[in-house]
C-alpha atoms as a PDB file:
ATOM      1  CA  UNK A   1     109.131 106.116 126.825  1.00  0.00           C
ATOM      2  CA  UNK A   2     111.773 104.240 124.786  1.00  0.00           C
ATOM      3  CA  UNK A   3     110.372 102.121 121.742  1.00  0.00           C
ATOM      4  CA  UNK A   4     111.790  98.931 122.003  1.00  0.00           C
ATOM      5  CA  UNK A   5     110.176  96.151 120.554  1.00  0.00           C
ATOM      6  CA  UNK A   6     112.423  92.905 120.257  1.00  0.00           C
ATOM      7  CA  UNK A   7     111.139  90.790 117.554  1.00  0.00           C
ATOM      8  CA  UNK A   8     112.207  87.983 115.331  1.00  0.00           C
ATOM      9  CA  UNK A   9     109.272  88.157 113.060  1.00  0.00           C
ATOM     10  CA  UNK A  10     110.041  89.278 109.661  1.00  0.00           C
ATOM     11  CA  UNK A  11     108.961  92.499 108.753  1.00  0.00           C
ATOM     12  CA  UNK A  12     106.114  93.096 106.168  1.00  0.00           C
ATOM     13  CA  UNK A  13     105.159  96.694 106.259  1.00  0.00           C
ATOM     14  CA  UNK A  14     106.609 100.131 106.780  1.00  0.00           C
ATOM     15  CA  UNK A  15     104.514 102.848 107.949  1.00  0.00           C
ATOM     16  CA  UNK A  16     105.830 106.461 106.976  1.00  0.00           C
ATOM     17  CA  UNK A  17     105.216 109.825 108.550  1.00  0.00           C
ATOM     18  CA  UNK A  18     105.602 112.470 105.436  1.00  0.00           C
ATOM     19  CA  UNK A  19     106.309 115.967 106.637  1.00  0.00           C
ATOM     20  CA  UNK A  20     110.027 116.181 107.961  1.00  0.00           C
ATOM     21  CA  UNK A  21     110.334 112.423 107.028  1.00  0.00           C
ATOM     22  CA  UNK A  22     109.905 112.074 103.174  1.00  0.00           C
ATOM     23  CA  UNK A  23     109.911 115.807 102.233  1.00  0.00           C
ATOM     24  CA  UNK A  24     111.897 118.775 104.091  1.00  0.00           C
ATOM     25  CA  UNK A  25     108.769 120.714 105.274  1.00  0.00           C
ATOM     26  CA  UNK A  26     108.576 121.259 108.957  1.00  0.00           C
ATOM     27  CA  UNK A  27     110.128 124.744 108.816  1.00  0.00           C
ATOM     28  CA  UNK A  28     107.953 125.767 106.089  1.00  0.00           C
ATOM     29  CA  UNK A  29     104.790 124.104 108.003  1.00  0.00           C
ATOM     30  CA  UNK A  30     105.700 126.309 111.123  1.00  0.00           C
ATOM     31  CA  UNK A  31     106.358 129.409 108.910  1.00  0.00           C
ATOM     32  CA  UNK A  32     102.843 128.845 107.608  1.00  0.00           C
ATOM     33  CA  UNK A  33     101.094 128.485 111.011  1.00  0.00           C
ATOM     34  CA  UNK A  34     103.057 131.720 112.104  1.00  0.00           C
ATOM     35  CA  UNK A  35     101.794 133.787 108.766  1.00  0.00           C
ATOM     36  CA  UNK A  36      98.018 132.601 109.660  1.00  0.00           C
ATOM     37  CA  UNK A  37      98.154 133.276 113.374  1.00  0.00           C
ATOM     38  CA  UNK A  38      99.663 136.709 111.965  1.00  0.00           C
ATOM     39  CA  UNK A  39      97.158 137.301 109.560  1.00  0.00           C
ATOM     40  CA  UNK A  40      94.297 136.822 112.596  1.00  0.00           C
ATOM     41  CA  UNK A  41      96.419 139.595 115.030  1.00  0.00           C
ATOM     42  CA  UNK A  42      97.514 136.736 117.303  1.00  0.00           C
ATOM     43  CA  UNK A  43     100.984 136.775 118.867  1.00  0.00           C
ATOM     44  CA  UNK A  44     102.119 133.400 119.605  1.00  0.00           C
ATOM     45  CA  UNK A  45     105.728 132.175 120.221  1.00  0.00           C
ATOM     46  CA  UNK A  46     107.434 131.128 117.015  1.00  0.00           C
ATOM     47  CA  UNK A  47     109.246 128.582 119.069  1.00  0.00           C
ATOM     48  CA  UNK A  48     106.583 126.694 120.509  1.00  0.00           C
ATOM     49  CA  UNK A  49     104.893 126.577 117.217  1.00  0.00           C
ATOM     50  CA  UNK A  50     108.163 124.720 115.560  1.00  0.00           C
ATOM     51  CA  UNK A  51     108.132 122.328 118.297  1.00  0.00           C
ATOM     52  CA  UNK A  52     104.595 121.239 117.872  1.00  0.00           C
ATOM     53  CA  UNK A  53     105.122 120.461 114.114  1.00  0.00           C
ATOM     54  CA  UNK A  54     104.374 116.858 113.658  1.00  0.00           C
ATOM     55  CA  UNK A  55     101.378 116.779 116.058  1.00  0.00           C
ATOM     56  CA  UNK A  56      97.917 117.268 114.589  1.00  0.00           C
ATOM     57  CA  UNK A  57      96.523 120.816 113.832  1.00  0.00           C
ATOM     58  CA  UNK A  58      93.920 120.646 116.350  1.00  0.00           C
ATOM     59  CA  UNK A  59      96.306 119.824 119.274  1.00  0.00           C
ATOM     60  CA  UNK A  60      98.740 122.898 117.968  1.00  0.00           C
ATOM     61  CA  UNK A  61      96.050 125.444 117.970  1.00  0.00           C
ATOM     62  CA  UNK A  62      94.954 124.187 121.752  1.00  0.00           C
ATOM     63  CA  UNK A  63      98.639 124.209 123.012  1.00  0.00           C
ATOM     64  CA  UNK A  64      99.665 127.366 121.445  1.00  0.00           C
ATOM     65  CA  UNK A  65      96.928 129.640 121.522  1.00  0.00           C
ATOM     66  CA  UNK A  66      94.225 127.735 123.439  1.00  0.00           C
ATOM     67  CA  UNK A  67      91.993 127.673 120.380  1.00  0.00           C
ATOM     68  CA  UNK A  68      89.322 125.044 119.403  1.00  0.00           C
ATOM     69  CA  UNK A  69      89.981 124.009 115.487  1.00  0.00           C
ATOM     70  CA  UNK A  70      86.035 123.470 115.346  1.00  0.00           C
ATOM     71  CA  UNK A  71      85.366 126.959 116.118  1.00  0.00           C
ATOM     72  CA  UNK A  72      86.317 130.696 115.483  1.00  0.00           C
ATOM     73  CA  UNK A  73      89.115 131.940 115.004  1.00  0.00           C
ATOM     74  CA  UNK A  74      90.685 128.516 115.176  1.00  0.00           C
ATOM     75  CA  UNK A  75      88.810 127.117 112.225  1.00  0.00           C
ATOM     76  CA  UNK A  76      89.505 130.157 109.884  1.00  0.00           C
ATOM     77  CA  UNK A  77      93.520 130.067 110.963  1.00  0.00           C
ATOM     78  CA  UNK A  78      93.858 126.221 110.508  1.00  0.00           C
ATOM     79  CA  UNK A  79      92.181 126.662 106.953  1.00  0.00           C
ATOM     80  CA  UNK A  80      94.650 129.501 106.303  1.00  0.00           C
ATOM     81  CA  UNK A  81      97.553 127.648 107.612  1.00  0.00           C
ATOM     82  CA  UNK A  82      96.605 125.171 104.645  1.00  0.00           C
ATOM     83  CA  UNK A  83      96.171 127.598 101.836  1.00  0.00           C
ATOM     84  CA  UNK A  84      99.528 129.418 102.596  1.00  0.00           C
ATOM     85  CA  UNK A  85     101.490 126.373 102.864  1.00  0.00           C
ATOM     86  CA  UNK A  86     100.097 125.067  99.702  1.00  0.00           C
ATOM     87  CA  UNK A  87     100.578 128.430  97.895  1.00  0.00           C
ATOM     88  CA  UNK A  88     103.815 129.812  99.382  1.00  0.00           C
ATOM     89  CA  UNK A  89     105.817 127.062 100.595  1.00  0.00           C
ATOM     90  CA  UNK A  90     105.012 123.927  99.121  1.00  0.00           C
ATOM     91  CA  UNK A  91     106.271 124.764  95.685  1.00  0.00           C
ATOM     92  CA  UNK A  92     109.550 125.418  96.763  1.00  0.00           C
ATOM     93  CA  UNK A  93     110.016 122.094  98.735  1.00  0.00           C
ATOM     94  CA  UNK A  94     112.350 118.853  98.030  1.00  0.00           C
ATOM     95  CA  UNK A  95     112.476 115.512  99.340  1.00  0.00           C
ATOM     96  CA  UNK A  96     114.728 114.725 102.330  1.00  0.00           C
ATOM     97  CA  UNK A  97     118.022 113.350 101.439  1.00  0.00           C
ATOM     98  CA  UNK A  98     117.758 109.670  99.882  1.00  0.00           C
ATOM     99  CA  UNK A  99     113.633 109.541 100.473  1.00  0.00           C
ATOM    100  CA  UNK A 100     112.826 108.006  97.360  1.00  0.00           C
ATOM    101  CA  UNK A 101     116.263 105.780  97.000  1.00  0.00           C
ATOM    102  CA  UNK A 102     114.948 104.383 100.565  1.00  0.00           C
ATOM    103  CA  UNK A 103     111.301 103.487  99.229  1.00  0.00           C
ATOM    104  CA  UNK A 104     112.604 102.255  96.043  1.00  0.00           C
ATOM    105  CA  UNK A 105     115.014  99.803  98.172  1.00  0.00           C
ATOM    106  CA  UNK A 106     112.428  99.093 100.702  1.00  0.00           C
ATOM    107  CA  UNK A 107     109.930  97.769  98.120  1.00  0.00           C
ATOM    108  CA  UNK A 108     112.758  95.581  96.338  1.00  0.00           C
ATOM    109  CA  UNK A 109     113.066  93.985  99.999  1.00  0.00           C
ATOM    110  CA  UNK A 110     109.541  93.292  99.632  1.00  0.00           C
ATOM    111  CA  UNK A 111     107.949  95.831 102.124  1.00  0.00           C
ATOM    112  CA  UNK A 112     104.624  97.340 101.854  1.00  0.00           C
ATOM    113  CA  UNK A 113     104.731 101.202 102.117  1.00  0.00           C
ATOM    114  CA  UNK A 114     102.322 102.660 104.160  1.00  0.00           C
ATOM    115  CA  UNK A 115     102.006 106.141 104.611  1.00  0.00           C
ATOM    116  CA  UNK A 116     100.617 107.311 108.406  1.00  0.00           C
ATOM    117  CA  UNK A 117     100.632 111.175 108.805  1.00  0.00           C
ATOM    118  CA  UNK A 118      98.639 113.951 110.625  1.00  0.00           C
ATOM    119  CA  UNK A 119      98.199 115.818 107.562  1.00  0.00           C
ATOM    120  CA  UNK A 120      94.656 115.812 105.539  1.00  0.00           C
ATOM    121  CA  UNK A 121      94.181 113.674 102.257  1.00  0.00           C
ATOM    122  CA  UNK A 122      94.709 116.466 100.132  1.00  0.00           C
ATOM    123  CA  UNK A 123      97.851 117.891 101.553  1.00  0.00           C
ATOM    124  CA  UNK A 124      99.191 114.123 102.096  1.00  0.00           C
ATOM    125  CA  UNK A 125      98.789 113.701  98.198  1.00  0.00           C
ATOM    126  CA  UNK A 126     100.338 117.443  97.442  1.00  0.00           C
ATOM    127  CA  UNK A 127     103.353 116.557  99.533  1.00  0.00           C
ATOM    128  CA  UNK A 128     103.909 113.072  98.471  1.00  0.00           C
ATOM    129  CA  UNK A 129     103.962 114.265  94.684  1.00  0.00           C
ATOM    130  CA  UNK A 130     106.312 117.242  95.871  1.00  0.00           C
ATOM    131  CA  UNK A 131     108.580 114.898  97.206  1.00  0.00           C
ATOM    132  CA  UNK A 132     108.386 112.535  94.066  1.00  0.00           C
ATOM    133  CA  UNK A 133     107.421 109.266  95.926  1.00  0.00           C
ATOM    134  CA  UNK A 134     103.786 109.378  95.475  1.00  0.00           C
ATOM    135  CA  UNK A 135     104.062 106.329  93.188  1.00  0.00           C
ATOM    136  CA  UNK A 136     105.795 104.040  95.556  1.00  0.00           C
ATOM    137  CA  UNK A 137     103.083 104.250  98.110  1.00  0.00           C
ATOM    138  CA  UNK A 138     100.704 100.873  98.529  1.00  0.00           C
ATOM    139  CA  UNK A 139      98.356 101.948 101.185  1.00  0.00           C
ATOM    140  CA  UNK A 140      97.478 105.818 102.083  1.00  0.00           C
ATOM    141  CA  UNK A 141      96.270 106.869 105.755  1.00  0.00           C
ATOM    142  CA  UNK A 142      95.673 110.457 106.673  1.00  0.00           C
ATOM    143  CA  UNK A 143      94.196 112.560 109.589  1.00  0.00           C
ATOM    144  CA  UNK A 144      91.060 111.715 107.931  1.00  0.00           C
ATOM    145  CA  UNK A 145      91.165 108.217 108.974  1.00  0.00           C
ATOM    146  CA  UNK A 146      91.708 109.114 112.760  1.00  0.00           C
ATOM    147  CA  UNK A 147      89.647 110.248 115.404  1.00  0.00           C
ATOM    148  CA  UNK A 148      92.635 111.644 117.317  1.00  0.00           C
ATOM    149  CA  UNK A 149      95.626 113.029 115.656  1.00  0.00           C
ATOM    150  CA  UNK A 150      99.490 112.306 116.716  1.00  0.00           C
ATOM    151  CA  UNK A 151     100.665 111.517 119.445  1.00  0.00           C
ATOM    152  CA  UNK A 152      97.650 109.489 119.725  1.00  0.00           C
ATOM    153  CA  UNK A 153      98.356 106.214 118.028  1.00  0.00           C
ATOM    154  CA  UNK A 154      95.326 106.189 115.970  1.00  0.00           C
ATOM    155  CA  UNK A 155      96.617 106.959 112.625  1.00  0.00           C
ATOM    156  CA  UNK A 156      98.948 104.246 113.018  1.00  0.00           C
ATOM    157  CA  UNK A 157      96.186 101.708 114.193  1.00  0.00           C
ATOM    158  CA  UNK A 158      94.133 102.567 111.065  1.00  0.00           C
ATOM    159  CA  UNK A 159      97.364 102.413 108.817  1.00  0.00           C
ATOM    160  CA  UNK A 160      97.810  98.417 110.335  1.00  0.00           C
ATOM    161  CA  UNK A 161      93.857  97.781 109.344  1.00  0.00           C
ATOM    162  CA  UNK A 162      94.030  99.141 106.152  1.00  0.00           C
ATOM    163  CA  UNK A 163      97.640  97.164 105.302  1.00  0.00           C
ATOM    164  CA  UNK A 164      96.274  94.122 107.246  1.00  0.00           C
ATOM    165  CA  UNK A 165      99.493  93.950 109.215  1.00  0.00           C
ATOM    166  CA  UNK A 166     100.225  93.563 112.914  1.00  0.00           C
ATOM    167  CA  UNK A 167     102.345  95.864 114.760  1.00  0.00           C
ATOM    168  CA  UNK A 168     104.824  92.881 115.097  1.00  0.00           C
ATOM    169  CA  UNK A 169     105.187  92.868 111.642  1.00  0.00           C
ATOM    170  CA  UNK A 170     105.330  96.614 110.737  1.00  0.00           C
ATOM    171  CA  UNK A 171     107.859  99.427 111.585  1.00  0.00           C
ATOM    172  CA  UNK A 172     107.283 103.234 111.756  1.00  0.00           C
ATOM    173  CA  UNK A 173     109.824 105.777 110.376  1.00  0.00           C
ATOM    174  CA  UNK A 174     109.246 109.132 111.424  1.00  0.00           C
ATOM    175  CA  UNK A 175     110.954 112.231 112.484  1.00  0.00           C
ATOM    176  CA  UNK A 176     109.152 113.834 115.844  1.00  0.00           C
ATOM    177  CA  UNK A 177     109.072 112.757 119.145  1.00  0.00           C
ATOM    178  CA  UNK A 178     105.279 112.405 118.336  1.00  0.00           C
ATOM    179  CA  UNK A 179     105.831 109.788 115.668  1.00  0.00           C
ATOM    180  CA  UNK A 180     107.752 107.748 118.231  1.00  0.00           C
ATOM    181  CA  UNK A 181     105.259 108.482 121.024  1.00  0.00           C
ATOM    182  CA  UNK A 182     102.576 107.200 119.032  1.00  0.00           C
ATOM    183  CA  UNK A 183     104.307 103.931 118.052  1.00  0.00           C
ATOM    184  CA  UNK A 184     105.217 103.218 121.391  1.00  0.00           C
ATOM    185  CA  UNK A 185     101.757 103.243 122.357  1.00  0.00           C
ATOM    186  CA  UNK A 186     100.558 100.145 120.070  1.00  0.00           C
ATOM    187  CA  UNK A 187     103.915  98.479 120.581  1.00  0.00           C
ATOM    188  CA  UNK A 188     105.182  99.324 117.256  1.00  0.00           C
ATOM    189  CA  UNK A 189     108.940  99.636 116.618  1.00  0.00           C
ATOM    190  CA  UNK A 190     109.998 103.251 115.584  1.00  0.00           C
ATOM    191  CA  UNK A 191     112.890 104.406 113.589  1.00  0.00           C
ATOM    192  CA  UNK A 192     113.726 108.063 114.080  1.00  0.00           C
ATOM    193  CA  UNK A 193     115.411 110.513 111.593  1.00  0.00           C
ATOM    194  CA  UNK A 194     117.032 113.750 112.603  1.00  0.00           C
ATOM    195  CA  UNK A 195     116.302 115.633 109.638  1.00  0.00           C
ATOM    196  CA  UNK A 196     112.769 116.916 111.203  1.00  0.00           C
ATOM    197  CA  UNK A 197     114.677 118.975 113.704  1.00  0.00           C
ATOM    198  CA  UNK A 198     115.025 116.827 116.575  1.00  0.00           C
ATOM    199  CA  UNK A 199     117.885 115.573 118.079  1.00  0.00           C
ATOM    200  CA  UNK A 200     118.526 111.705 118.990  1.00  0.00           C
ATOM    201  CA  UNK A 201     117.560 112.485 122.521  1.00  0.00           C
ATOM    202  CA  UNK A 202     114.409 113.807 121.872  1.00  0.00           C
ATOM    203  CA  UNK A 203     113.602 110.975 119.500  1.00  0.00           C
ATOM    204  CA  UNK A 204     112.961 108.127 122.038  1.00  0.00           C
ATOM    205  CA  UNK A 205     113.033 105.543 119.152  1.00  0.00           C
ATOM    206  CA  UNK A 206     114.604 101.947 118.769  1.00  0.00           C
ATOM    207  CA  UNK A 207     117.252 103.599 116.226  1.00  0.00           C
ATOM    208  CA  UNK A 208     117.843 106.888 115.119  1.00  0.00           C
ATOM    209  CA  UNK A 209     119.549 108.360 111.728  1.00  0.00           C
ATOM    210  CA  UNK A 210     120.414 111.404 110.317  1.00  0.00           C
ATOM    211  CA  UNK A 211     117.918 111.110 107.098  1.00  0.00           C
ATOM    212  CA  UNK A 212     116.696 108.447 104.716  1.00  0.00           C
ATOM    213  CA  UNK A 213     120.157 107.848 103.053  1.00  0.00           C
ATOM    214  CA  UNK A 214     121.693 107.489 106.370  1.00  0.00           C
ATOM    215  CA  UNK A 215     119.224 104.688 107.250  1.00  0.00           C
ATOM    216  CA  UNK A 216     119.605 103.107 103.949  1.00  0.00           C
ATOM    217  CA  UNK A 217     123.360 102.959 104.114  1.00  0.00           C
ATOM    218  CA  UNK A 218     122.999 101.692 107.881  1.00  0.00           C
ATOM    219  CA  UNK A 219     119.860  99.519 107.795  1.00  0.00           C
ATOM    220  CA  UNK A 220     121.289  96.482 109.601  1.00  0.00           C
ATOM    221  CA  UNK A 221     121.541  98.863 112.665  1.00  0.00           C
ATOM    222  CA  UNK A 222     117.708  99.309 112.606  1.00  0.00           C
ATOM    223  CA  UNK A 223     114.432  97.106 112.574  1.00  0.00           C
ATOM    224  CA  UNK A 224     114.845  97.133 108.772  1.00  0.00           C
ATOM    225  CA  UNK A 225     117.308  94.142 109.188  1.00  0.00           C
ATOM    226  CA  UNK A 226     114.253  92.049 109.758  1.00  0.00           C
ATOM    227  CA  UNK A 227     112.891  92.632 106.131  1.00  0.00           C
ATOM    228  CA  UNK A 228     112.071  89.506 104.385  1.00  0.00           C
ATOM    229  CA  UNK A 229     114.147  89.964 101.576  1.00  0.00           C
ATOM    230  CA  UNK A 230     117.281  90.634 103.301  1.00  0.00           C
ATOM    231  CA  UNK A 231     119.716  88.118 103.574  1.00  0.00           C
ATOM    232  CA  UNK A 232     121.414  87.523 106.765  1.00  0.00           C
END
């Protein structure tokens, strides 16, 4: 479903995904899952794992290997994925192109920056620090704040409640179809970024850009034109 939300209400809050949106980590997340499955002597489809990055780990385990994240061996595989990612891959990652510049500009336009990610609290903080944007975030929400992970809209609803904003005065920036789907379920306009590995056709958002730098350069073609600090 296309996330088209027409509104003249000024934007006050920008909800941000992290993996693939602010930090170039989607491939590393997929490799970490594959390493964890290999340790457990489970053969899974690498392409299927990669396509599910952006969903919650509970959904990935269930859809790829029919495993429950709260029961063995799913629980251990999930824990190993997190450890492997933090130890082997995270130190070598960097921000997506223009991520910090976009966030600095958004703040200069009066936007409240709200993280809304399927990652857990500890991993979210590490990702933001590695991306060099942790000092720019106003409100933090993670999978710990949601009953169901993306593409369920729970985390976005939690982000709106924490920021005390409505969907009409907010926008979501993400890089996966699951971000766009979650936003659409609660009437939240969404901006998609192709830097996460999906094409424009796979990102059912109001507008799609290559990366944060592209969005910043062309923000008037996106819902960001409604920011209160932007002149007509």
